[in-house]
Amino acid sequence: MSSHLRTRTAGVLFLLAVLAVASALVGAVGHYAVLDRPVLLGTLAASLIIVSGAIVFGGGPRGPAVALAMIWTTAGLVTYVNNWQVYAQIPGPTGSGLETRVLYDDWIIPDWALVVRKNDGLLTREWPLVERFSSEHADGLPVVTWVDPSHVRLDDRPGDDRKIWGGQVVVLDPGTGRPLEPDHPVSAF
């Protein structure tokens, strides 16, 4: 491979790495579910940089191959460990594309989260509705009722004397699902 072609190839790979990092940032800041994958996109970016460095500086494939294997193994383990499972889905009003999801992560300490999701294909967004909390069971979660595309009601579970939620109503932007009032995840603790 000529020096000019190696430099050009390395530049393209480096540009793709920058795009992967930018995509992860856009996903995290904009709450885009498809792009909010910092571990996977960061791994892709690191891999592209390693390959571009190997192309520019030569040295054979052995070093970069070992580095790539280590990076992807680590990313696979991190992804496996930090994998939220959908415990329940509560569909929003018909035609709104909105739903509430109860997410559960059963790694060391069971974690629960409640999010509002606006399904728009690649532009699907998820917004935290209730702060994450750790508990063995789903007993701390509210009963979710959609009033309309702009309002979600959070009630206590039947038989729960703690009166944690008390019928709180969260106002949403019906176009995105983003909570407007309160403008931060609801906390009952």
Protein backbone atom coordinates (compact mmCIF):
# COMPACT_ATOMS: atom_id res chain seq x y z
CA MET A 1 0.00 0.00 0.00
CA SER A 2 1.46 3.39 -0.96
CA SER A 3 2.17 6.04 1.65
CA HIS A 4 -0.49 8.36 0.22
CA LEU A 5 -3.16 5.63 0.27
CA ARG A 6 -2.25 4.64 3.85
CA THR A 7 -2.53 8.24 5.03
CA ARG A 8 -5.86 8.73 3.28
CA THR A 9 -7.27 5.44 4.67
CA ALA A 10 -6.09 6.32 8.19
CA GLY A 11 -7.70 9.76 7.87
CA VAL A 12 -11.04 8.26 6.86
CA LEU A 13 -10.92 5.80 9.77
CA PHE A 14 -10.06 8.61 12.19
CA LEU A 15 -12.97 10.70 10.83
CA LEU A 16 -15.30 7.72 11.38
CA ALA A 17 -14.01 7.48 14.97
CA VAL A 18 -14.83 11.16 15.52
CA LEU A 19 -18.32 10.58 14.08
CA ALA A 20 -18.83 7.63 16.46
CA VAL A 21 -17.93 9.80 19.46
CA ALA A 22 -20.14 12.64 18.19
CA SER A 23 -23.04 10.19 17.73
CA ALA A 24 -22.65 8.98 21.32
CA LEU A 25 -22.69 12.57 22.58
CA VAL A 26 -25.79 13.43 20.53
CA GLY A 27 -27.48 10.27 21.81
CA ALA A 28 -26.74 11.06 25.44
CA VAL A 29 -27.59 14.76 25.32
CA GLY A 30 -30.69 14.35 23.14
CA HIS A 31 -31.94 11.17 24.86
CA TYR A 32 -31.97 9.30 21.53
CA ALA A 33 -32.32 5.60 22.43
CA VAL A 34 -30.60 4.31 19.27
CA LEU A 35 -27.49 6.50 19.69
CA ASP A 36 -27.29 6.48 23.49
CA ARG A 37 -24.72 3.67 23.48
CA PRO A 38 -21.52 5.23 24.83
CA VAL A 39 -19.77 1.92 25.51
CA LEU A 40 -20.36 0.47 22.06
CA LEU A 41 -19.71 3.69 20.14
CA GLY A 42 -16.65 4.43 22.29
CA THR A 43 -15.35 0.94 21.58
CA LEU A 44 -15.92 1.45 17.88
CA ALA A 45 -14.06 4.79 18.02
CA ALA A 46 -11.11 3.28 19.91
CA SER A 47 -10.95 0.39 17.45
CA LEU A 48 -10.95 2.72 14.46
CA ILE A 49 -8.16 4.81 15.99
CA ILE A 50 -6.07 1.71 16.68
CA VAL A 51 -6.51 0.45 13.13
CA SER A 52 -5.73 3.86 11.65
CA GLY A 53 -2.59 4.07 13.81
CA ALA A 54 -1.50 0.62 12.68
CA ILE A 55 -2.00 1.65 9.04
CA VAL A 56 0.01 4.86 9.42
CA PHE A 57 2.83 3.51 11.57
CA GLY A 58 2.97 -0.04 10.17
CA GLY A 59 4.34 -2.67 12.51
CA GLY A 60 2.18 -5.59 11.47
CA PRO A 61 -1.27 -6.75 12.50
CA ARG A 62 -0.39 -8.59 15.75
CA GLY A 63 -0.34 -5.59 18.15
CA PRO A 64 -3.55 -3.99 16.88
CA ALA A 65 -5.30 -7.38 16.78
CA VAL A 66 -4.51 -8.01 20.46
CA ALA A 67 -5.60 -4.47 21.38
CA LEU A 68 -8.87 -4.85 19.46
CA ALA A 69 -9.59 -8.21 21.09
CA MET A 70 -9.04 -6.71 24.55
CA ILE A 71 -11.20 -3.66 23.80
CA TRP A 72 -14.12 -5.65 22.36
CA THR A 73 -13.99 -8.22 25.17
CA THR A 74 -14.14 -5.41 27.75
CA ALA A 75 -16.98 -3.68 25.88
CA GLY A 76 -18.90 -6.96 25.67
CA LEU A 77 -18.55 -7.53 29.41
CA VAL A 78 -19.56 -3.97 30.27
CA THR A 79 -22.57 -4.17 27.95
CA TYR A 80 -23.61 -7.52 29.43
CA VAL A 81 -23.30 -6.25 33.00
CA ASN A 82 -25.09 -2.92 32.38
CA ASN A 83 -28.01 -4.30 30.44
CA TRP A 84 -31.41 -2.88 31.38
CA GLN A 85 -34.30 -5.28 30.80
CA VAL A 86 -37.81 -4.09 29.97
CA TYR A 87 -39.92 -5.28 32.90
CA ALA A 88 -43.20 -3.73 31.73
CA GLN A 89 -44.56 -1.45 29.02
CA ILE A 90 -47.56 0.81 29.48
CA PRO A 91 -48.76 2.07 26.08
CA GLY A 92 -49.68 5.74 25.82
CA PRO A 93 -52.81 7.08 24.16
CA THR A 94 -53.55 5.59 20.74
CA GLY A 95 -51.62 7.25 17.93
CA SER A 96 -49.29 9.21 20.22
CA GLY A 97 -46.26 6.91 19.82
CA LEU A 98 -45.69 7.33 23.56
CA GLU A 99 -45.24 4.60 26.14
CA THR A 100 -43.94 4.27 29.66
CA ARG A 101 -41.36 1.57 30.31
CA VAL A 102 -40.33 0.01 33.58
CA LEU A 103 -36.66 -0.95 33.28
CA TYR A 104 -34.88 -3.41 35.57
CA ASP A 105 -31.20 -4.22 36.03
CA ASP A 106 -30.46 -7.21 38.25
CA TRP A 107 -26.70 -7.01 38.59
CA ILE A 108 -25.26 -6.56 42.12
CA ILE A 109 -28.08 -4.46 43.54
CA PRO A 110 -31.36 -4.59 41.62
CA ASP A 111 -32.09 -1.19 40.04
CA TRP A 112 -35.40 0.07 38.70
CA ALA A 113 -36.13 2.98 36.38
CA LEU A 114 -39.28 4.41 34.84
CA VAL A 115 -38.92 6.16 31.48
CA VAL A 116 -41.21 7.77 28.92
CA ARG A 117 -40.42 6.63 25.39
CA LYS A 118 -41.44 8.38 22.17
CA ASN A 119 -41.20 5.77 19.40
CA ASP A 120 -39.91 7.39 16.20
CA GLY A 121 -37.73 4.69 14.63
CA LEU A 122 -34.10 5.83 14.57
CA LEU A 123 -35.12 9.06 16.34
CA THR A 124 -36.76 7.23 19.29
CA ARG A 125 -36.16 9.10 22.55
CA GLU A 126 -36.33 8.02 26.19
CA TRP A 127 -36.69 10.43 29.09
CA PRO A 128 -36.37 9.51 32.77
CA LEU A 129 -39.71 9.88 34.51
CA VAL A 130 -38.82 8.55 37.97
CA GLU A 131 -35.37 8.59 39.55
CA ARG A 132 -33.67 5.22 39.60
CA PHE A 133 -33.92 3.34 42.81
CA SER A 134 -32.64 0.05 44.19
CA SER A 135 -35.02 -2.54 45.57
CA GLU A 136 -35.43 -6.30 45.48
CA HIS A 137 -38.95 -5.97 44.07
CA ALA A 138 -41.07 -3.59 42.02
CA ASP A 139 -43.06 -2.58 45.12
CA GLY A 140 -41.70 0.97 45.09
CA LEU A 141 -42.87 1.67 41.55
CA PRO A 142 -46.01 3.67 40.95
CA VAL A 143 -49.10 2.57 39.08
CA VAL A 144 -48.88 4.52 35.81
CA THR A 145 -52.02 5.84 34.11
CA TRP A 146 -52.02 7.89 30.94
CA VAL A 147 -54.49 10.78 31.25
CA ASP A 148 -53.76 12.04 27.71
CA PRO A 149 -50.59 12.46 25.56
CA SER A 150 -49.53 15.40 27.77
CA HIS A 151 -50.16 13.92 31.23
CA VAL A 152 -49.10 10.78 33.11
CA ARG A 153 -50.48 10.05 36.57
CA LEU A 154 -48.41 8.21 39.19
CA ASP A 155 -50.44 6.49 41.93
CA ASP A 156 -49.66 4.25 44.88
CA ARG A 157 -50.03 0.52 44.47
CA PRO A 158 -53.16 -0.99 46.06
CA GLY A 159 -52.47 -1.88 49.68
CA ASP A 160 -49.37 0.35 49.91
CA ASP A 161 -49.80 2.41 53.09
CA ARG A 162 -46.69 4.51 52.49
CA LYS A 163 -48.53 6.94 50.18
CA ILE A 164 -45.34 7.55 48.18
CA TRP A 165 -46.84 8.79 44.92
CA GLY A 166 -50.22 10.20 45.91
CA GLY A 167 -51.54 10.74 42.39
CA GLN A 168 -48.76 12.98 41.10
CA VAL A 169 -49.35 14.16 37.55
CA VAL A 170 -46.36 14.73 35.28
CA VAL A 171 -46.84 17.11 32.36
CA LEU A 172 -45.15 15.95 29.13
CA ASP A 173 -44.34 17.45 25.77
CA PRO A 174 -46.63 15.27 23.60
CA GLY A 175 -44.30 15.64 20.60
CA THR A 176 -41.18 14.26 22.31
CA GLY A 177 -42.36 12.70 25.58
CA ARG A 178 -39.98 14.93 27.57
CA PRO A 179 -41.26 15.71 31.07
CA LEU A 180 -41.98 19.44 31.37
CA GLU A 181 -43.35 19.67 34.90
CA PRO A 182 -41.55 18.74 36.97
CA ASP A 183 -38.62 19.16 34.57
CA HIS A 184 -36.52 16.53 36.30
CA PRO A 185 -37.17 12.89 37.24
CA VAL A 186 -39.80 12.53 39.95
CA SER A 187 -38.52 11.23 43.27
CA ALA A 188 -40.62 9.64 45.96
CA PHE A 189 -37.80 8.99 48.37
